[in-house]
């Protein structure tokens, strides 16, 4: 189950992915704007991944017996 913050992060990732595609079409793969946008997208994806792993660890930290 995704939290509201995780859903918001997913929307941000989609927006950044679209921005990256636009930069790629306009400037190509190796332009500094494309590379910077790619780094920002990577950062957003890593944050989302960490939020899911943290959520999973919190769920199983205290098992119900």
Protein backbone atom coordinates (compact mmCIF):
# COMPACT_ATOMS: atom_id res chain seq x y z
CA UNK A 1 0.00 0.00 0.00
CA UNK A 2 1.51 3.29 -1.08
CA UNK A 3 1.36 6.32 1.15
CA UNK A 4 0.22 9.71 -0.05
CA UNK A 5 3.85 10.88 -0.15
CA UNK A 6 4.82 7.89 -2.28
CA UNK A 7 1.98 8.63 -4.68
CA UNK A 8 3.12 12.26 -4.92
CA UNK A 9 6.69 11.11 -5.55
CA UNK A 10 5.46 8.86 -8.35
CA UNK A 11 3.76 11.84 -10.00
CA UNK A 12 6.96 13.88 -9.67
CA UNK A 13 8.93 11.06 -11.27
CA UNK A 14 6.54 10.95 -14.22
CA UNK A 15 6.82 14.72 -14.69
CA UNK A 16 10.62 14.57 -14.51
CA UNK A 17 10.67 11.64 -16.96
CA UNK A 18 8.64 13.70 -19.43
CA UNK A 19 10.99 16.65 -18.93
CA UNK A 20 13.97 14.39 -19.56
CA UNK A 21 12.43 13.12 -22.78
CA UNK A 22 11.84 16.70 -23.95
CA UNK A 23 15.47 17.62 -23.21
CA UNK A 24 16.66 14.52 -25.05
CA UNK A 25 14.58 15.39 -28.13
CA UNK A 26 15.76 19.00 -28.12
CA UNK A 27 19.41 18.67 -27.10
CA UNK A 28 20.42 15.00 -27.40
CA UNK A 29 21.84 12.53 -24.88
CA UNK A 30 25.08 14.25 -23.91
CA UNK A 31 23.91 17.84 -23.39
CA UNK A 32 24.42 19.18 -19.87
CA UNK A 33 20.69 19.93 -19.44
CA UNK A 34 19.78 16.35 -20.35
CA UNK A 35 22.40 14.91 -18.01
CA UNK A 36 21.33 17.17 -15.13
CA UNK A 37 17.69 16.23 -15.61
CA UNK A 38 18.67 12.56 -15.68
CA UNK A 39 20.49 12.96 -12.37
CA UNK A 40 17.43 14.63 -10.85
CA UNK A 41 15.25 11.78 -12.08
CA UNK A 42 17.66 9.23 -10.57
CA UNK A 43 17.51 11.08 -7.26
CA UNK A 44 13.69 11.04 -7.23
CA UNK A 45 13.61 7.32 -8.05
CA UNK A 46 16.13 6.56 -5.31
CA UNK A 47 14.08 8.53 -2.79
CA UNK A 48 10.95 6.62 -3.74
CA UNK A 49 12.77 3.29 -3.47
CA UNK A 50 14.07 4.23 -0.01
CA UNK A 51 10.58 5.19 1.12
CA UNK A 52 9.23 1.78 0.06
CA UNK A 53 12.05 -0.11 1.80
CA UNK A 54 11.64 2.00 4.95
CA UNK A 55 7.89 1.38 4.89
CA UNK A 56 8.48 -2.37 4.48
CA UNK A 57 11.00 -2.45 7.37
CA UNK A 58 8.60 -0.53 9.62
CA UNK A 59 5.79 -2.97 8.86
CA UNK A 60 7.83 -5.98 9.89
CA UNK A 61 9.81 -4.46 12.72
CA UNK A 62 7.27 -5.47 15.36
CA UNK A 63 5.66 -8.78 14.45
CA UNK A 64 2.22 -9.46 15.83
CA UNK A 65 2.12 -12.70 17.79
